[in-house]
Amino acid sequence: MSNHKAGFVSIIGKPNVGKSTLMNHLVGERLSIITSKAQTTRHRIMGIINEDDYQIVYSDTPGIIKPKYKLQESMMDFVKNSLEDADVILFVTDIFEKFDESEVVERLKKMDIPIILLVNKIDLADQQKVVEKMQFWQEALAPKEIVPISALHKFNVDHLLDAILEYIPEHPAFFSKEDLTDKPQRFFVSEIIREKILLNFEQEIPYACEVTVHTFKEEADIIRIGADIVVERKSQKAIVIGKGGQALKKVGTQARKDMEAFFQKKVFLEQYVKVDPDWRSHDFKLRRFGYME
């Protein structure tokens, strides 16, 4: 297709700076989990925007951290991989962030890829602080553009599309024009359940949980889903189930409502809680959960 643009745009940044909120606005669908807890996104999640004359493939990635165990190492591999095939990098910071991972900045400086730096959450600061933060990043990274935004309120988000298209190369579409994401339906089922775990439990529980979908049967008027919530210890299993099963029931009710909105169909959801000791620290277990090649 002549004059057709297509490219990969990687959204990177530290945890909780608004990457998932931004991507969901750019794509127009709720593809990435959004909570106030750090380390929410574990995978690289692609969201695809299609128009007659362009296709943009956005990648939401885990927040940049210093890994402490195998799972986090795998999460950082997703970030590295997203940089390697990017045509444009959206580097998201926020107005309060003190970015101390200097090796990330140094790596970005050496990359021959257009970087658009976004200063998010400007609605929470005065104009002077916004100007100071933009000046800091201009000196620290010298990106192609710096755009102040409020992802939550969609301020300046529309301007981003024009900036991105300027750097996207002419190329045929990489995916079907009907595609919204590269992930299967089961992936979003597990993400929805995991989000409810993040919202309902404190401390270590959300980060020790993984969700796998073992049944996904779509019928004419209903989708029947069976999912396992995997934890590391029996004590965590007891907490997730709760007294009389009430905690697990609450997670299931909330998840089912979101699934019905997502799939636009009635959902029957069965959940089971299983113990898989130290799954976050073993290569073969992480590979089984889709975190390693």
Protein backbone atom coordinates (compact mmCIF):
# COMPACT_ATOMS: atom_id res chain seq x y z
CA MET A 1 0.00 0.00 0.00
CA SER A 2 1.60 3.26 -1.13
CA ASN A 3 2.16 6.01 1.47
CA HIS A 4 1.07 3.63 4.22
CA LYS A 5 2.92 3.93 7.52
CA ALA A 6 3.41 1.14 10.05
CA GLY A 7 5.66 0.80 13.06
CA PHE A 8 6.23 -0.28 16.64
CA VAL A 9 6.00 2.23 19.49
CA SER A 10 7.36 1.07 22.85
CA ILE A 11 6.04 2.72 26.01
CA ILE A 12 8.66 2.51 28.77
CA GLY A 13 9.24 4.08 32.18
CA LYS A 14 9.37 3.33 35.87
CA PRO A 15 6.42 1.73 37.71
CA ASN A 16 3.32 3.82 38.35
CA VAL A 17 4.12 6.74 36.04
CA GLY A 18 0.97 6.16 33.95
CA LYS A 19 2.14 3.95 31.07
CA SER A 20 -0.90 1.66 31.09
CA THR A 21 -3.34 4.56 31.43
CA LEU A 22 -1.67 6.24 28.47
CA MET A 23 -1.74 3.13 26.30
CA ASN A 24 -5.38 2.46 27.02
CA HIS A 25 -6.25 6.00 25.89
CA LEU A 26 -4.10 5.67 22.76
CA VAL A 27 -5.62 2.31 21.82
CA GLY A 28 -9.14 3.06 23.00
CA GLU A 29 -9.54 -0.23 24.85
CA ARG A 30 -8.74 -1.31 28.38
CA LEU A 31 -5.87 -3.65 27.50
CA SER A 32 -3.50 -3.10 30.41
CA ILE A 33 -4.21 -3.39 34.11
CA ILE A 34 -4.44 -0.01 35.83
CA THR A 35 -4.06 0.17 39.60
CA SER A 36 -2.14 2.35 42.03
CA LYS A 37 0.19 -0.52 42.89
CA ALA A 38 3.67 -0.72 41.40
CA GLN A 39 4.81 -3.59 39.13
CA THR A 40 1.29 -4.14 37.83
CA THR A 41 2.19 -4.91 34.20
CA ARG A 42 4.28 -8.08 33.98
CA HIS A 43 4.19 -8.80 30.25
CA ARG A 44 4.73 -6.85 27.08
CA ILE A 45 1.20 -6.11 25.88
CA MET A 46 0.66 -4.90 22.32
CA GLY A 47 -2.25 -2.69 21.35
CA ILE A 48 -2.85 -2.02 17.66
CA ILE A 49 -4.33 1.11 16.11
CA ASN A 50 -5.51 0.81 12.50
CA GLU A 51 -6.45 3.49 10.01
CA ASP A 52 -6.52 3.43 6.21
CA ASP A 53 -3.09 5.02 5.92
CA TYR A 54 -1.28 3.75 9.01
CA GLN A 55 -0.94 1.04 11.64
CA ILE A 56 0.67 1.76 15.01
CA VAL A 57 1.61 -1.15 17.26
CA TYR A 58 1.96 0.10 20.83
CA SER A 59 3.78 -1.97 23.45
CA ASP A 60 3.01 -1.44 27.11
CA THR A 61 5.89 -2.83 29.17
CA PRO A 62 6.64 -3.59 32.82
CA GLY A 63 7.95 -0.69 34.88
CA ILE A 64 11.73 -0.33 34.94
CA ILE A 65 13.14 -1.71 38.20
CA LYS A 66 16.29 -3.35 39.54
CA PRO A 67 15.38 -7.07 39.53
CA LYS A 68 15.41 -8.93 42.84
CA TYR A 69 14.28 -12.39 41.62
CA LYS A 70 13.77 -14.39 38.43
CA LEU A 71 10.30 -13.10 37.64
CA GLN A 72 11.52 -9.50 37.72
CA GLU A 73 14.51 -10.41 35.54
CA SER A 74 12.11 -11.81 32.96
CA MET A 75 9.96 -8.67 33.19
CA MET A 76 13.03 -6.52 32.42
CA ASP A 77 13.80 -8.76 29.43
CA PHE A 78 10.40 -7.76 28.00
CA VAL A 79 11.48 -4.11 28.30
CA LYS A 80 14.80 -4.77 26.54
CA ASN A 81 13.11 -6.69 23.74
CA SER A 82 10.61 -3.89 23.18
CA LEU A 83 13.47 -1.43 22.68
CA GLU A 84 15.20 -3.63 20.11
CA ASP A 85 12.32 -3.61 17.61
CA ALA A 86 10.94 -0.12 18.32
CA ASP A 87 10.56 2.54 15.63
CA VAL A 88 9.65 5.14 18.26
CA ILE A 89 10.12 5.12 22.04
CA LEU A 90 7.64 6.86 24.34
CA PHE A 91 9.60 7.39 27.56
CA VAL A 92 7.04 8.18 30.27
CA THR A 93 8.06 10.01 33.45
CA ASP A 94 5.92 12.03 35.80
CA ILE A 95 6.17 15.40 37.42
CA PHE A 96 7.35 13.97 40.75
CA GLU A 97 9.71 11.26 39.56
CA LYS A 98 13.37 11.17 40.51
CA PHE A 99 14.74 8.83 37.87
CA ASP A 100 17.82 7.14 39.35
CA GLU A 101 18.23 4.24 36.91
CA SER A 102 21.00 6.07 35.06
CA GLU A 103 21.96 2.98 33.03
CA VAL A 104 18.57 3.16 31.30
CA VAL A 105 19.13 6.80 30.35
CA GLU A 106 22.65 6.01 29.17
CA ARG A 107 21.35 3.18 27.00
CA LEU A 108 18.66 5.39 25.49
CA LYS A 109 21.27 8.04 24.66
CA LYS A 110 23.16 5.50 22.55
CA MET A 111 20.11 4.29 20.63
CA ASP A 112 19.44 5.56 17.13
CA ILE A 113 15.67 5.56 17.67
CA PRO A 114 13.46 8.67 18.00
CA ILE A 115 12.54 9.24 21.65
CA ILE A 116 9.47 11.23 22.65
CA LEU A 117 9.64 11.98 26.36
CA LEU A 118 6.34 12.45 28.17
CA VAL A 119 6.09 14.30 31.47
CA ASN A 120 2.88 12.91 32.95
CA LYS A 121 0.59 14.08 35.79
CA ILE A 122 1.14 17.77 35.05
CA ASP A 123 -2.37 18.43 36.39
CA LEU A 124 -0.88 17.89 39.86
CA ALA A 125 1.80 20.60 39.59
CA ASP A 126 2.18 24.29 38.80
CA GLN A 127 3.55 25.60 35.51
CA GLN A 128 6.97 26.41 36.95
CA LYS A 129 7.54 22.82 38.10
CA VAL A 130 6.50 21.53 34.67
CA VAL A 131 9.00 23.83 32.94
CA GLU A 132 11.78 22.80 35.34
CA LYS A 133 11.10 19.10 34.77
CA MET A 134 11.12 19.55 30.99
CA GLN A 135 14.42 21.42 31.17
CA PHE A 136 15.91 18.65 33.33
CA TRP A 137 15.04 15.98 30.78
CA GLN A 138 16.21 18.07 27.84
CA GLU A 139 19.65 18.22 29.43
CA ALA A 140 19.65 14.61 30.69
CA LEU A 141 18.44 12.87 27.52
CA ALA A 142 17.94 15.39 24.69
CA PRO A 143 14.93 13.53 23.21
CA LYS A 144 13.38 14.41 19.85
CA GLU A 145 10.40 15.94 21.65
CA ILE A 146 9.20 16.54 25.21
CA VAL A 147 5.44 16.57 25.66
CA PRO A 148 3.76 17.48 28.98
CA ILE A 149 0.62 15.38 29.44
CA SER A 150 -2.04 14.24 31.84
CA ALA A 151 -2.83 10.67 30.79
CA LEU A 152 -5.64 10.45 33.33
CA HIS A 153 -7.42 13.50 31.91
CA LYS A 154 -6.24 12.91 28.30
CA PHE A 155 -4.57 16.34 28.21
CA ASN A 156 -2.21 16.62 25.20
CA VAL A 157 -2.67 12.92 24.38
CA ASP A 158 -4.17 13.75 20.97
CA HIS A 159 -1.06 15.76 20.11
CA LEU A 160 1.00 12.61 20.61
CA LEU A 161 -0.46 10.87 17.55
CA ASP A 162 0.83 13.59 15.22
CA ALA A 163 4.27 13.44 16.84
CA ILE A 164 4.41 9.64 16.57
CA LEU A 165 3.31 9.54 12.93
CA GLU A 166 6.11 11.93 12.02
CA TYR A 167 8.67 9.26 12.97
CA ILE A 168 6.85 6.10 11.86
CA PRO A 169 8.31 4.76 8.57
CA GLU A 170 6.39 3.91 5.42
CA HIS A 171 5.67 0.20 5.57
CA PRO A 172 2.81 -2.24 4.94
CA ALA A 173 0.76 -3.27 8.00
CA PHE A 174 2.40 -5.86 10.25
CA PHE A 175 -0.91 -7.25 11.53
CA SER A 176 -4.38 -7.68 10.12
CA LYS A 177 -6.32 -4.42 10.10
CA GLU A 178 -8.94 -6.19 12.21
CA ASP A 179 -6.54 -6.95 15.07
CA LEU A 180 -6.65 -5.04 18.34
CA THR A 181 -3.84 -6.87 20.14
CA ASP A 182 -1.37 -9.72 19.78
CA LYS A 183 -2.65 -11.41 22.94
CA PRO A 184 -5.28 -14.19 23.02
CA GLN A 185 -8.56 -13.94 24.90
CA ARG A 186 -7.30 -16.15 27.73
CA PHE A 187 -4.52 -13.66 28.45
CA PHE A 188 -7.02 -10.90 29.20
CA VAL A 189 -9.06 -13.20 31.41
CA SER A 190 -5.98 -13.84 33.55
CA GLU A 191 -5.09 -10.14 33.61
CA ILE A 192 -8.58 -9.14 34.74
CA ILE A 193 -8.49 -11.65 37.60
CA ARG A 194 -4.97 -10.56 38.58
CA GLU A 195 -6.09 -6.94 38.66
CA LYS A 196 -8.83 -7.81 41.17
CA ILE A 197 -6.27 -9.59 43.32
CA LEU A 198 -4.13 -6.46 43.26
CA LEU A 199 -7.08 -4.34 44.29
CA ASN A 200 -8.33 -6.61 47.09
CA PHE A 201 -5.17 -7.80 48.82
CA GLU A 202 -2.24 -6.03 50.45
CA GLN A 203 1.46 -6.63 51.06
CA GLU A 204 3.05 -9.62 49.33
CA ILE A 205 -0.11 -11.45 48.21
CA PRO A 206 -0.62 -9.73 44.80
CA TYR A 207 3.00 -10.20 43.78
CA ALA A 208 3.07 -13.87 44.81
CA CYS A 209 -0.02 -14.62 42.65
CA GLU A 210 -0.21 -15.80 39.07
CA VAL A 211 -3.38 -16.66 37.14
CA THR A 212 -3.73 -19.38 34.53
CA VAL A 213 -6.84 -20.10 32.45
CA HIS A 214 -7.42 -23.82 31.86
CA THR A 215 -10.92 -23.58 30.37
CA PHE A 216 -12.35 -21.08 27.87
CA LYS A 217 -15.48 -22.33 26.14
CA GLU A 218 -17.45 -19.80 24.12
CA GLU A 219 -21.07 -20.72 23.48
CA ALA A 220 -23.81 -18.78 21.70
CA ASP A 221 -24.90 -16.77 24.73
CA ILE A 222 -22.23 -17.40 27.37
CA ILE A 223 -18.48 -17.94 27.91
CA ARG A 224 -17.54 -20.61 30.45
CA ILE A 225 -14.17 -19.93 32.06
CA GLY A 226 -12.11 -21.92 34.54
CA ALA A 227 -9.06 -20.29 36.10
CA ASP A 228 -6.39 -21.18 38.66
CA ILE A 229 -4.96 -18.59 41.02
CA VAL A 230 -1.45 -19.79 41.86
CA VAL A 231 0.24 -18.71 45.10
CA GLU A 232 3.53 -19.68 46.72
CA ARG A 233 2.44 -20.76 50.22
CA LYS A 234 -0.51 -22.41 51.97
CA SER A 235 -0.92 -19.34 54.18
CA GLN A 236 -1.38 -17.20 51.05
CA LYS A 237 -3.98 -19.66 49.73
CA ALA A 238 -5.98 -19.27 52.94
CA ILE A 239 -5.90 -15.47 52.63
CA VAL A 240 -6.99 -15.47 48.97
CA ILE A 241 -9.89 -17.84 49.71
CA GLY A 242 -10.89 -15.97 52.88
CA LYS A 243 -13.33 -16.95 55.60
CA GLY A 244 -16.07 -19.07 54.10
CA GLY A 245 -14.64 -18.38 50.64
CA GLN A 246 -15.78 -14.75 50.75
CA ALA A 247 -12.52 -13.18 49.55
CA LEU A 248 -12.31 -15.44 46.50
CA LYS A 249 -16.00 -14.88 45.77
CA LYS A 250 -15.48 -11.10 45.81
CA VAL A 251 -12.57 -11.36 43.36
CA GLY A 252 -14.66 -13.61 41.11
CA THR A 253 -17.69 -11.31 41.12
CA GLN A 254 -15.61 -8.25 40.25
CA ALA A 255 -13.65 -10.11 37.57
CA ARG A 256 -16.77 -11.55 35.96
CA LYS A 257 -18.36 -8.11 35.60
CA ASP A 258 -15.26 -6.78 33.84
CA MET A 259 -15.06 -9.84 31.61
CA GLU A 260 -18.68 -9.41 30.55
CA ALA A 261 -17.96 -5.79 29.66
CA PHE A 262 -14.78 -6.79 27.80
CA PHE A 263 -16.27 -9.70 25.82
CA GLN A 264 -19.79 -8.21 25.54
CA LYS A 265 -21.26 -11.57 26.58
CA LYS A 266 -22.42 -13.31 29.77
CA VAL A 267 -19.59 -15.07 31.63
CA PHE A 268 -19.64 -18.07 33.98
CA LEU A 269 -16.39 -18.06 36.00
CA GLU A 270 -14.97 -20.82 38.19
CA GLN A 271 -11.80 -20.11 40.21
CA TYR A 272 -9.49 -22.44 42.11
CA VAL A 273 -6.52 -21.53 44.32
CA LYS A 274 -3.41 -23.69 44.06
CA VAL A 275 0.00 -23.64 45.74
CA ASP A 276 3.18 -23.76 43.63
CA PRO A 277 6.13 -23.07 45.97
CA ASP A 278 8.54 -20.29 44.91
CA TRP A 279 7.26 -20.18 41.33
CA ARG A 280 8.74 -16.68 40.88
CA SER A 281 12.29 -18.00 41.30
CA HIS A 282 12.40 -21.02 38.96
CA ASP A 283 13.09 -20.79 35.22
CA PHE A 284 10.94 -23.77 34.24
CA LYS A 285 7.95 -22.48 36.24
CA LEU A 286 8.28 -18.98 34.79
CA ARG A 287 8.49 -20.47 31.31
CA ARG A 288 5.27 -22.40 31.97
CA PHE A 289 3.57 -19.13 32.90
CA GLY A 290 4.79 -17.43 29.72
CA TYR A 291 7.54 -15.25 31.16
CA MET A 292 10.53 -16.79 29.39
CA GLU A 293 11.24 -17.87 25.82
